């Protein structure tokens, strides 16, 4: 003779276990819920080096960022998210300078 089991306690136990596991992971820092304001990287870029006699193929579609020279530093503005801007830096966090504009000098 088979006895029917009540599935509600099993379902509640499974849901509770998932909630407690997520809560414990979040509390100890193994789980992070990212927010848009937490993002610092605007986009990743790669420099293509030109070599004499070698063709470079580029996409015809432009990037979603626009660069502008501000106070001698190359600043990127995102065209999709208004108000989002960033400074272009290298892997050591050095700002990329603009060649066409003079860098402000400290006056003594």
PDB file of N, CA and C in Angstrom:
ATOM      1  N   UNK A   1       0.834  -1.172   0.000  1.00  0.00           N
ATOM      2  CA  UNK A   1       0.000   0.000   0.000  1.00  0.00           C
ATOM      3  C   UNK A   1       0.887   1.246   0.000  1.00  0.00           C
ATOM      4  N   UNK A   2       0.651   2.141  -0.921  1.00  0.00           N
ATOM      5  CA  UNK A   2       1.458   3.347  -1.033  1.00  0.00           C
ATOM      6  C   UNK A   2       0.747   4.494  -0.337  1.00  0.00           C
ATOM      7  N   UNK A   3       1.531   5.228   0.408  1.00  0.00           N
ATOM      8  CA  UNK A   3       0.975   6.391   1.094  1.00  0.00           C
ATOM      9  C   UNK A   3       1.405   7.642   0.323  1.00  0.00           C
ATOM     10  N   UNK A   4       0.472   8.539   0.122  1.00  0.00           N
ATOM     11  CA  UNK A   4       0.788   9.780  -0.578  1.00  0.00           C
ATOM     12  C   UNK A   4       1.474  10.743   0.380  1.00  0.00           C
ATOM     13  N   UNK A   5       2.534  11.338  -0.111  1.00  0.00           N
ATOM     14  CA  UNK A   5       3.251  12.314   0.700  1.00  0.00           C
ATOM     15  C   UNK A   5       2.776  13.717   0.357  1.00  0.00           C
ATOM     16  N   UNK A   6       2.832  14.565   1.360  1.00  0.00           N
ATOM     17  CA  UNK A   6       2.473  15.960   1.154  1.00  0.00           C
ATOM     18  C   UNK A   6       3.707  16.674   0.590  1.00  0.00           C
ATOM     19  N   UNK A   7       3.615  17.245  -0.621  1.00  0.00           N
ATOM     20  CA  UNK A   7       4.748  17.869  -1.302  1.00  0.00           C
ATOM     21  C   UNK A   7       5.022  19.296  -0.850  1.00  0.00           C
ATOM     22  N   UNK A   8       4.101  19.915  -0.163  1.00  0.00           N
ATOM     23  CA  UNK A   8       4.262  21.323   0.233  1.00  0.00           C
ATOM     24  C   UNK A   8       5.470  21.509   1.154  1.00  0.00           C
ATOM     25  N   UNK A   9       5.686  20.673   2.199  1.00  0.00           N
ATOM     26  CA  UNK A   9       6.891  20.873   3.027  1.00  0.00           C
ATOM     27  C   UNK A   9       8.185  20.689   2.243  1.00  0.00           C
ATOM     28  N   UNK A  10       8.215  19.774   1.273  1.00  0.00           N
ATOM     29  CA  UNK A  10       9.409  19.591   0.457  1.00  0.00           C
ATOM     30  C   UNK A  10       9.694  20.816  -0.408  1.00  0.00           C
ATOM     31  N   UNK A  11       8.663  21.384  -0.992  1.00  0.00           N
ATOM     32  CA  UNK A  11       8.816  22.586  -1.830  1.00  0.00           C
ATOM     33  C   UNK A  11       9.273  23.765  -0.985  1.00  0.00           C
ATOM     34  N   UNK A  12       8.673  23.960   0.182  1.00  0.00           N
ATOM     35  CA  UNK A  12       9.062  25.064   1.068  1.00  0.00           C
ATOM     36  C   UNK A  12      10.496  24.892   1.564  1.00  0.00           C
ATOM     37  N   UNK A  13      10.900  23.659   1.841  1.00  0.00           N
ATOM     38  CA  UNK A  13      12.282  23.396   2.269  1.00  0.00           C
ATOM     39  C   UNK A  13      13.259  23.733   1.147  1.00  0.00           C
ATOM     40  N   UNK A  14      12.945  23.363  -0.083  1.00  0.00           N
ATOM     41  CA  UNK A  14      13.817  23.660  -1.218  1.00  0.00           C
ATOM     42  C   UNK A  14      13.944  25.168  -1.432  1.00  0.00           C
ATOM     43  N   UNK A  15      12.828  25.879  -1.380  1.00  0.00           N
ATOM     44  CA  UNK A  15      12.849  27.335  -1.558  1.00  0.00           C
ATOM     45  C   UNK A  15      13.624  27.996  -0.425  1.00  0.00           C
ATOM     46  N   UNK A  16      13.384  27.557   0.809  1.00  0.00           N
ATOM     47  CA  UNK A  16      14.108  28.103   1.955  1.00  0.00           C
ATOM     48  C   UNK A  16      15.601  27.854   1.865  1.00  0.00           C
ATOM     49  N   UNK A  17      15.983  26.667   1.398  1.00  0.00           N
ATOM     50  CA  UNK A  17      17.402  26.345   1.256  1.00  0.00           C
ATOM     51  C   UNK A  17      18.073  27.260   0.239  1.00  0.00           C
ATOM     52  N   UNK A  18      17.412  27.510  -0.880  1.00  0.00           N
ATOM     53  CA  UNK A  18      17.972  28.401  -1.903  1.00  0.00           C
ATOM     54  C   UNK A  18      18.106  29.819  -1.360  1.00  0.00           C
ATOM     55  N   UNK A  19      17.083  30.312  -0.672  1.00  0.00           N
ATOM     56  CA  UNK A  19      17.111  31.672  -0.130  1.00  0.00           C
ATOM     57  C   UNK A  19      18.221  31.802   0.916  1.00  0.00           C
ATOM     58  N   UNK A  20      18.350  30.840   1.808  1.00  0.00           N
ATOM     59  CA  UNK A  20      19.394  30.894   2.829  1.00  0.00           C
ATOM     60  C   UNK A  20      20.794  30.775   2.218  1.00  0.00           C
ATOM     61  N   UNK A  21      20.950  29.960   1.191  1.00  0.00           N
ATOM     62  CA  UNK A  21      22.246  29.824   0.535  1.00  0.00           C
ATOM     63  C   UNK A  21      22.650  31.131  -0.138  1.00  0.00           C
ATOM     64  N   UNK A  22      21.731  31.745  -0.874  1.00  0.00           N
ATOM     65  CA  UNK A  22      22.014  33.030  -1.531  1.00  0.00           C
ATOM     66  C   UNK A  22      22.319  34.090  -0.488  1.00  0.00           C
ATOM     67  N   UNK A  23      21.560  34.115   0.600  1.00  0.00           N
ATOM     68  CA  UNK A  23      21.803  35.080   1.672  1.00  0.00           C
ATOM     69  C   UNK A  23      23.172  34.906   2.312  1.00  0.00           C
ATOM     70  N   UNK A  24      23.575  33.665   2.559  1.00  0.00           N
ATOM     71  CA  UNK A  24      24.888  33.404   3.154  1.00  0.00           C
ATOM     72  C   UNK A  24      26.014  33.787   2.196  1.00  0.00           C
ATOM     73  N   UNK A  25      25.867  33.463   0.925  1.00  0.00           N
ATOM     74  CA  UNK A  25      26.885  33.839  -0.059  1.00  0.00           C
ATOM     75  C   UNK A  25      27.016  35.353  -0.176  1.00  0.00           C
ATOM     76  N   UNK A  26      25.891  36.052  -0.149  1.00  0.00           N
ATOM     77  CA  UNK A  26      25.917  37.517  -0.222  1.00  0.00           C
ATOM     78  C   UNK A  26      26.558  38.107   1.027  1.00  0.00           C
ATOM     79  N   UNK A  27      26.222  37.575   2.194  1.00  0.00           N
ATOM     80  CA  UNK A  27      26.740  38.090   3.460  1.00  0.00           C
ATOM     81  C   UNK A  27      28.263  37.960   3.538  1.00  0.00           C
ATOM     82  N   UNK A  28      28.804  36.853   3.094  1.00  0.00           N
ATOM     83  CA  UNK A  28      30.240  36.627   3.165  1.00  0.00           C
ATOM     84  C   UNK A  28      31.004  37.179   1.960  1.00  0.00           C
ATOM     85  N   UNK A  29      30.329  37.833   1.040  1.00  0.00           N
ATOM     86  CA  UNK A  29      30.985  38.516  -0.062  1.00  0.00           C
ATOM     87  C   UNK A  29      31.274  37.667  -1.283  1.00  0.00           C
ATOM     88  N   UNK A  30      30.728  36.453  -1.332  1.00  0.00           N
ATOM     89  CA  UNK A  30      30.940  35.612  -2.504  1.00  0.00           C
ATOM     90  C   UNK A  30      29.939  35.902  -3.616  1.00  0.00           C
ATOM     91  N   UNK A  31      28.921  36.672  -3.306  1.00  0.00           N
ATOM     92  CA  UNK A  31      27.884  36.998  -4.282  1.00  0.00           C
ATOM     93  C   UNK A  31      27.674  38.503  -4.245  1.00  0.00           C
ATOM     94  N   UNK A  32      27.704  39.119  -5.403  1.00  0.00           N
ATOM     95  CA  UNK A  32      27.528  40.577  -5.482  1.00  0.00           C
ATOM     96  C   UNK A  32      26.488  40.889  -6.543  1.00  0.00           C
ATOM     97  N   UNK A  33      25.499  41.664  -6.173  1.00  0.00           N
ATOM     98  CA  UNK A  33      24.473  42.095  -7.120  1.00  0.00           C
ATOM     99  C   UNK A  33      24.931  43.427  -7.702  1.00  0.00           C
ATOM    100  N   UNK A  34      25.349  43.415  -8.961  1.00  0.00           N
ATOM    101  CA  UNK A  34      25.906  44.608  -9.603  1.00  0.00           C
ATOM    102  C   UNK A  34      24.794  45.593  -9.943  1.00  0.00           C
ATOM    103  N   UNK A  35      25.101  46.855  -9.726  1.00  0.00           N
ATOM    104  CA  UNK A  35      24.192  47.944 -10.076  1.00  0.00           C
ATOM    105  C   UNK A  35      24.864  48.764 -11.169  1.00  0.00           C
ATOM    106  N   UNK A  36      24.105  49.483 -11.959  1.00  0.00           N
ATOM    107  CA  UNK A  36      24.731  50.300 -13.015  1.00  0.00           C
ATOM    108  C   UNK A  36      25.739  51.311 -12.474  1.00  0.00           C
ATOM    109  N   UNK A  37      25.509  51.849 -11.271  1.00  0.00           N
ATOM    110  CA  UNK A  37      26.442  52.839 -10.729  1.00  0.00           C
ATOM    111  C   UNK A  37      27.740  52.195 -10.229  1.00  0.00           C
ATOM    112  N   UNK A  38      27.769  50.882 -10.060  1.00  0.00           N
ATOM    113  CA  UNK A  38      28.992  50.189  -9.666  1.00  0.00           C
ATOM    114  C   UNK A  38      29.958  50.042 -10.826  1.00  0.00           C
ATOM    115  N   UNK A  39      29.474  50.165 -12.030  1.00  0.00           N
ATOM    116  CA  UNK A  39      30.304  49.948 -13.208  1.00  0.00           C
ATOM    117  C   UNK A  39      31.266  51.112 -13.389  1.00  0.00           C
ATOM    118  N   UNK A  40      32.536  50.782 -13.600  1.00  0.00           N
ATOM    119  CA  UNK A  40      33.535  51.821 -13.823  1.00  0.00           C
ATOM    120  C   UNK A  40      34.137  51.731 -15.211  1.00  0.00           C
ATOM    121  N   UNK A  41      34.121  50.562 -15.793  1.00  0.00           N
ATOM    122  CA  UNK A  41      34.717  50.388 -17.108  1.00  0.00           C
ATOM    123  C   UNK A  41      33.693  50.735 -18.172  1.00  0.00           C
ATOM    124  N   UNK A  42      33.974  51.759 -18.956  1.00  0.00           N
ATOM    125  CA  UNK A  42      33.056  52.186 -20.001  1.00  0.00           C
ATOM    126  C   UNK A  42      33.047  51.196 -21.153  1.00  0.00           C
ATOM    127  N   UNK A  43      34.200  50.806 -21.601  1.00  0.00           N
ATOM    128  CA  UNK A  43      34.335  49.823 -22.677  1.00  0.00           C
ATOM    129  C   UNK A  43      35.796  49.431 -22.773  1.00  0.00           C
ATOM    130  N   UNK A  44      36.055  48.315 -23.427  1.00  0.00           N
ATOM    131  CA  UNK A  44      37.431  47.881 -23.633  1.00  0.00           C
ATOM    132  C   UNK A  44      37.846  48.257 -25.052  1.00  0.00           C
ATOM    133  N   UNK A  45      39.087  48.705 -25.184  1.00  0.00           N
ATOM    134  CA  UNK A  45      39.582  49.147 -26.472  1.00  0.00           C
ATOM    135  C   UNK A  45      40.884  48.435 -26.799  1.00  0.00           C
ATOM    136  N   UNK A  46      41.170  48.323 -28.074  1.00  0.00           N
ATOM    137  CA  UNK A  46      42.411  47.744 -28.556  1.00  0.00           C
ATOM    138  C   UNK A  46      43.004  48.684 -29.578  1.00  0.00           C
ATOM    139  N   UNK A  47      44.298  48.903 -29.482  1.00  0.00           N
ATOM    140  CA  UNK A  47      44.959  49.759 -30.459  1.00  0.00           C
ATOM    141  C   UNK A  47      45.484  48.884 -31.593  1.00  0.00           C
ATOM    142  N   UNK A  48      45.162  49.260 -32.806  1.00  0.00           N
ATOM    143  CA  UNK A  48      45.665  48.559 -33.982  1.00  0.00           C
ATOM    144  C   UNK A  48      46.886  49.299 -34.500  1.00  0.00           C
ATOM    145  N   UNK A  49      48.006  48.636 -34.492  1.00  0.00           N
ATOM    146  CA  UNK A  49      49.248  49.253 -34.959  1.00  0.00           C
ATOM    147  C   UNK A  49      49.328  49.146 -36.471  1.00  0.00           C
ATOM    148  N   UNK A  50      49.641  50.254 -37.106  1.00  0.00           N
ATOM    149  CA  UNK A  50      49.748  50.245 -38.566  1.00  0.00           C
ATOM    150  C   UNK A  50      51.150  49.814 -38.976  1.00  0.00           C
ATOM    151  N   UNK A  51      51.200  48.934 -39.952  1.00  0.00           N
ATOM    152  CA  UNK A  51      52.466  48.441 -40.494  1.00  0.00           C
ATOM    153  C   UNK A  51      52.459  48.761 -41.983  1.00  0.00           C
ATOM    154  N   UNK A  52      53.571  49.274 -42.483  1.00  0.00           N
ATOM    155  CA  UNK A  52      53.665  49.653 -43.895  1.00  0.00           C
ATOM    156  C   UNK A  52      53.423  48.438 -44.785  1.00  0.00           C
ATOM    157  N   UNK A  53      52.524  48.587 -45.754  1.00  0.00           N
ATOM    158  CA  UNK A  53      52.220  47.525 -46.708  1.00  0.00           C
ATOM    159  C   UNK A  53      51.197  46.516 -46.216  1.00  0.00           C
ATOM    160  N   UNK A  54      50.641  46.720 -45.040  1.00  0.00           N
ATOM    161  CA  UNK A  54      49.663  45.781 -44.500  1.00  0.00           C
ATOM    162  C   UNK A  54      48.319  46.487 -44.344  1.00  0.00           C
ATOM    163  N   UNK A  55      47.256  45.840 -44.812  1.00  0.00           N
ATOM    164  CA  UNK A  55      45.916  46.421 -44.722  1.00  0.00           C
ATOM    165  C   UNK A  55      45.315  46.186 -43.341  1.00  0.00           C
ATOM    166  N   UNK A  56      44.556  47.173 -42.899  1.00  0.00           N
ATOM    167  CA  UNK A  56      43.801  47.043 -41.644  1.00  0.00           C
ATOM    168  C   UNK A  56      42.326  47.055 -42.009  1.00  0.00           C
ATOM    169  N   UNK A  57      41.605  46.068 -41.526  1.00  0.00           N
ATOM    170  CA  UNK A  57      40.170  45.988 -41.803  1.00  0.00           C
ATOM    171  C   UNK A  57      39.396  46.427 -40.571  1.00  0.00           C
ATOM    172  N   UNK A  58      38.499  47.376 -40.798  1.00  0.00           N
ATOM    173  CA  UNK A  58      37.677  47.921 -39.730  1.00  0.00           C
ATOM    174  C   UNK A  58      36.208  47.760 -40.077  1.00  0.00           C
ATOM    175  N   UNK A  59      35.381  47.743 -39.063  1.00  0.00           N
ATOM    176  CA  UNK A  59      33.944  47.698 -39.267  1.00  0.00           C
ATOM    177  C   UNK A  59      33.460  49.063 -39.749  1.00  0.00           C
ATOM    178  N   UNK A  60      32.451  49.062 -40.606  1.00  0.00           N
ATOM    179  CA  UNK A  60      31.887  50.325 -41.082  1.00  0.00           C
ATOM    180  C   UNK A  60      30.995  50.970 -40.023  1.00  0.00           C
ATOM    181  N   UNK A  61      30.509  50.173 -39.085  1.00  0.00           N
ATOM    182  CA  UNK A  61      29.648  50.692 -38.018  1.00  0.00           C
ATOM    183  C   UNK A  61      30.520  51.391 -36.974  1.00  0.00           C
ATOM    184  N   UNK A  62      30.209  52.643 -36.627  1.00  0.00           N
ATOM    185  CA  UNK A  62      31.045  53.358 -35.661  1.00  0.00           C
ATOM    186  C   UNK A  62      30.828  52.842 -34.231  1.00  0.00           C
ATOM    187  N   UNK A  63      31.791  53.147 -33.367  1.00  0.00           N
ATOM    188  CA  UNK A  63      31.693  52.770 -31.955  1.00  0.00           C
ATOM    189  C   UNK A  63      30.596  53.574 -31.273  1.00  0.00           C
ATOM    190  N   UNK A  64      30.181  53.110 -30.102  1.00  0.00           N
ATOM    191  CA  UNK A  64      29.130  53.792 -29.355  1.00  0.00           C
ATOM    192  C   UNK A  64      29.678  54.915 -28.485  1.00  0.00           C
ATOM    193  N   UNK A  65      30.986  55.138 -28.582  1.00  0.00           N
ATOM    194  CA  UNK A  65      31.616  56.201 -27.820  1.00  0.00           C
ATOM    195  C   UNK A  65      32.188  57.247 -28.765  1.00  0.00           C
ATOM    196  N   UNK A  66      32.240  58.478 -28.273  1.00  0.00           N
ATOM    197  CA  UNK A  66      32.813  59.598 -29.022  1.00  0.00           C
ATOM    198  C   UNK A  66      33.923  60.185 -28.161  1.00  0.00           C
ATOM    199  N   UNK A  67      35.099  60.419 -28.756  1.00  0.00           N
ATOM    200  CA  UNK A  67      36.232  60.969 -28.019  1.00  0.00           C
ATOM    201  C   UNK A  67      36.336  62.466 -28.251  1.00  0.00           C
ATOM    202  N   UNK A  68      36.735  63.170 -27.209  1.00  0.00           N
ATOM    203  CA  UNK A  68      36.929  64.611 -27.299  1.00  0.00           C
ATOM    204  C   UNK A  68      38.129  64.970 -26.428  1.00  0.00           C
ATOM    205  N   UNK A  69      38.888  65.939 -26.864  1.00  0.00           N
ATOM    206  CA  UNK A  69      40.055  66.389 -26.114  1.00  0.00           C
ATOM    207  C   UNK A  69      39.615  67.459 -25.116  1.00  0.00           C
ATOM    208  N   UNK A  70      39.789  67.182 -23.833  1.00  0.00           N
ATOM    209  CA  UNK A  70      39.417  68.129 -22.787  1.00  0.00           C
ATOM    210  C   UNK A  70      40.641  68.344 -21.905  1.00  0.00           C
ATOM    211  N   UNK A  71      41.153  69.567 -21.886  1.00  0.00           N
ATOM    212  CA  UNK A  71      42.336  69.922 -21.095  1.00  0.00           C
ATOM    213  C   UNK A  71      43.520  69.004 -21.372  1.00  0.00           C
ATOM    214  N   UNK A  72      43.711  68.614 -22.632  1.00  0.00           N
ATOM    215  CA  UNK A  72      44.855  67.805 -23.007  1.00  0.00           C
ATOM    216  C   UNK A  72      44.714  66.320 -22.727  1.00  0.00           C
ATOM    217  N   UNK A  73      43.538  65.868 -22.285  1.00  0.00           N
ATOM    218  CA  UNK A  73      43.288  64.459 -21.980  1.00  0.00           C
ATOM    219  C   UNK A  73      42.151  63.972 -22.864  1.00  0.00           C
ATOM    220  N   UNK A  74      42.269  62.756 -23.371  1.00  0.00           N
ATOM    221  CA  UNK A  74      41.236  62.179 -24.231  1.00  0.00           C
ATOM    222  C   UNK A  74      40.090  61.651 -23.373  1.00  0.00           C
ATOM    223  N   UNK A  75      38.918  62.252 -23.537  1.00  0.00           N
ATOM    224  CA  UNK A  75      37.730  61.883 -22.758  1.00  0.00           C
ATOM    225  C   UNK A  75      36.727  61.216 -23.693  1.00  0.00           C
ATOM    226  N   UNK A  76      36.150  60.100 -23.243  1.00  0.00           N
ATOM    227  CA  UNK A  76      35.152  59.374 -24.026  1.00  0.00           C
ATOM    228  C   UNK A  76      33.766  59.666 -23.482  1.00  0.00           C
ATOM    229  N   UNK A  77      32.840  59.916 -24.397  1.00  0.00           N
ATOM    230  CA  UNK A  77      31.445  60.125 -24.049  1.00  0.00           C
ATOM    231  C   UNK A  77      30.630  59.013 -24.698  1.00  0.00           C
ATOM    232  N   UNK A  78      29.743  58.397 -23.939  1.00  0.00           N
ATOM    233  CA  UNK A  78      28.893  57.330 -24.467  1.00  0.00           C
ATOM    234  C   UNK A  78      27.681  57.959 -25.136  1.00  0.00           C
ATOM    235  N   UNK A  79      27.368  57.500 -26.350  1.00  0.00           N
ATOM    236  CA  UNK A  79      26.243  58.076 -27.083  1.00  0.00           C
ATOM    237  C   UNK A  79      24.922  57.418 -26.720  1.00  0.00           C
ATOM    238  N   UNK A  80      24.959  56.243 -26.083  1.00  0.00           N
ATOM    239  CA  UNK A  80      23.713  55.555 -25.715  1.00  0.00           C
ATOM    240  C   UNK A  80      23.228  55.981 -24.340  1.00  0.00           C
ATOM    241  N   UNK A  81      24.138  56.115 -23.383  1.00  0.00           N
ATOM    242  CA  UNK A  81      23.768  56.521 -22.027  1.00  0.00           C
ATOM    243  C   UNK A  81      24.241  57.945 -21.818  1.00  0.00           C
ATOM    244  N   UNK A  82      23.328  58.869 -21.885  1.00  0.00           N
ATOM    245  CA  UNK A  82      23.665  60.285 -21.779  1.00  0.00           C
ATOM    246  C   UNK A  82      24.256  60.588 -20.405  1.00  0.00           C
ATOM    247  N   UNK A  83      25.290  61.396 -20.410  1.00  0.00           N
ATOM    248  CA  UNK A  83      25.929  61.791 -19.171  1.00  0.00           C
ATOM    249  C   UNK A  83      27.029  60.842 -18.728  1.00  0.00           C
ATOM    250  N   UNK A  84      27.196  59.714 -19.397  1.00  0.00           N
ATOM    251  CA  UNK A  84      28.236  58.771 -19.028  1.00  0.00           C
ATOM    252  C   UNK A  84      29.506  59.118 -19.778  1.00  0.00           C
ATOM    253  N   UNK A  85      30.575  59.409 -19.048  1.00  0.00           N
ATOM    254  CA  UNK A  85      31.842  59.799 -19.662  1.00  0.00           C
ATOM    255  C   UNK A  85      32.973  59.143 -18.899  1.00  0.00           C
ATOM    256  N   UNK A  86      34.115  59.044 -19.543  1.00  0.00           N
ATOM    257  CA  UNK A  86      35.286  58.465 -18.894  1.00  0.00           C
ATOM    258  C   UNK A  86      36.553  58.941 -19.571  1.00  0.00           C
ATOM    259  N   UNK A  87      37.656  58.777 -18.888  1.00  0.00           N
ATOM    260  CA  UNK A  87      38.963  59.156 -19.407  1.00  0.00           C
ATOM    261  C   UNK A  87      39.617  57.890 -19.936  1.00  0.00           C
ATOM    262  N   UNK A  88      40.200  57.969 -21.128  1.00  0.00           N
ATOM    263  CA  UNK A  88      40.888  56.831 -21.712  1.00  0.00           C
ATOM    264  C   UNK A  88      42.249  56.684 -21.040  1.00  0.00           C
ATOM    265  N   UNK A  89      42.514  55.497 -20.461  1.00  0.00           N
ATOM    266  CA  UNK A  89      43.763  55.232 -19.754  1.00  0.00           C
ATOM    267  C   UNK A  89      44.398  53.953 -20.283  1.00  0.00           C
ATOM    268  N   UNK A  90      45.689  53.788 -20.011  1.00  0.00           N
ATOM    269  CA  UNK A  90      46.371  52.551 -20.387  1.00  0.00           C
ATOM    270  C   UNK A  90      46.253  51.549 -19.247  1.00  0.00           C
ATOM    271  N   UNK A  91      47.000  50.423 -19.367  1.00  0.00           N
ATOM    272  CA  UNK A  91      46.870  49.373 -18.358  1.00  0.00           C
ATOM    273  C   UNK A  91      47.415  49.787 -16.997  1.00  0.00           C
ATOM    274  N   UNK A  92      48.228  50.837 -16.942  1.00  0.00           N
ATOM    275  CA  UNK A  92      48.767  51.327 -15.672  1.00  0.00           C
ATOM    276  C   UNK A  92      48.015  52.554 -15.159  1.00  0.00           C
ATOM    277  N   UNK A  93      46.853  52.817 -15.715  1.00  0.00           N
ATOM    278  CA  UNK A  93      45.984  53.930 -15.321  1.00  0.00           C
ATOM    279  C   UNK A  93      46.590  55.295 -15.620  1.00  0.00           C
ATOM    280  N   UNK A  94      47.443  55.378 -16.667  1.00  0.00           N
ATOM    281  CA  UNK A  94      47.951  56.663 -17.134  1.00  0.00           C
ATOM    282  C   UNK A  94      46.992  57.216 -18.173  1.00  0.00           C
ATOM    283  N   UNK A  95      46.619  58.477 -18.036  1.00  0.00           N
ATOM    284  CA  UNK A  95      45.686  59.096 -18.968  1.00  0.00           C
ATOM    285  C   UNK A  95      46.324  59.252 -20.337  1.00  0.00           C
ATOM    286  N   UNK A  96      45.545  58.986 -21.387  1.00  0.00           N
ATOM    287  CA  UNK A  96      46.003  59.163 -22.759  1.00  0.00           C
ATOM    288  C   UNK A  96      45.863  60.642 -23.109  1.00  0.00           C
ATOM    289  N   UNK A  97      46.975  61.247 -23.523  1.00  0.00           N
ATOM    290  CA  UNK A  97      46.998  62.670 -23.850  1.00  0.00           C
ATOM    291  C   UNK A  97      46.608  62.905 -25.299  1.00  0.00           C
ATOM    292  N   UNK A  98      46.135  64.112 -25.582  1.00  0.00           N
ATOM    293  CA  UNK A  98      45.797  64.506 -26.945  1.00  0.00           C
ATOM    294  C   UNK A  98      47.012  65.174 -27.576  1.00  0.00           C
ATOM    295  N   UNK A  99      47.287  64.848 -28.829  1.00  0.00           N
ATOM    296  CA  UNK A  99      48.460  65.396 -29.507  1.00  0.00           C
ATOM    297  C   UNK A  99      48.201  66.786 -30.054  1.00  0.00           C
ATOM    298  N   UNK A 100      46.959  67.104 -30.386  1.00  0.00           N
ATOM    299  CA  UNK A 100      46.668  68.361 -31.048  1.00  0.00           C
ATOM    300  C   UNK A 100      46.453  69.526 -30.117  1.00  0.00           C
ATOM    301  N   UNK A 101      46.432  69.296 -28.838  1.00  0.00           N
ATOM    302  CA  UNK A 101      46.134  70.359 -27.897  1.00  0.00           C
ATOM    303  C   UNK A 101      47.221  70.416 -26.839  1.00  0.00           C
ATOM    304  N   UNK A 102      47.565  71.609 -26.386  1.00  0.00           N
ATOM    305  CA  UNK A 102      48.600  71.727 -25.385  1.00  0.00           C
ATOM    306  C   UNK A 102      48.070  71.323 -24.020  1.00  0.00           C
ATOM    307  N   UNK A 103      48.941  70.674 -23.265  1.00  0.00           N
ATOM    308  CA  UNK A 103      48.591  70.277 -21.913  1.00  0.00           C
ATOM    309  C   UNK A 103      48.734  71.486 -21.002  1.00  0.00           C
ATOM    310  N   UNK A 104      47.780  71.719 -20.085  1.00  0.00           N
ATOM    311  CA  UNK A 104      47.919  72.843 -19.186  1.00  0.00           C
ATOM    312  C   UNK A 104      49.176  72.707 -18.318  1.00  0.00           C
ATOM    313  N   UNK A 105      49.920  73.789 -18.175  1.00  0.00           N
ATOM    314  CA  UNK A 105      51.149  73.782 -17.370  1.00  0.00           C
ATOM    315  C   UNK A 105      50.894  74.495 -16.056  1.00  0.00           C
ATOM    316  N   UNK A 106      51.607  74.059 -15.031  1.00  0.00           N
ATOM    317  CA  UNK A 106      51.501  74.705 -13.731  1.00  0.00           C
ATOM    318  C   UNK A 106      52.279  76.004 -13.768  1.00  0.00           C
ATOM    319  N   UNK A 107      51.631  77.098 -13.392  1.00  0.00           N
ATOM    320  CA  UNK A 107      52.302  78.396 -13.389  1.00  0.00           C
ATOM    321  C   UNK A 107      52.901  78.652 -12.021  1.00  0.00           C
ATOM    322  N   UNK A 108      54.109  79.225 -12.029  1.00  0.00           N
ATOM    323  CA  UNK A 108      54.781  79.488 -10.744  1.00  0.00           C
ATOM    324  C   UNK A 108      54.897  80.951 -10.484  1.00  0.00           C
TER     325      UNK A 108
END
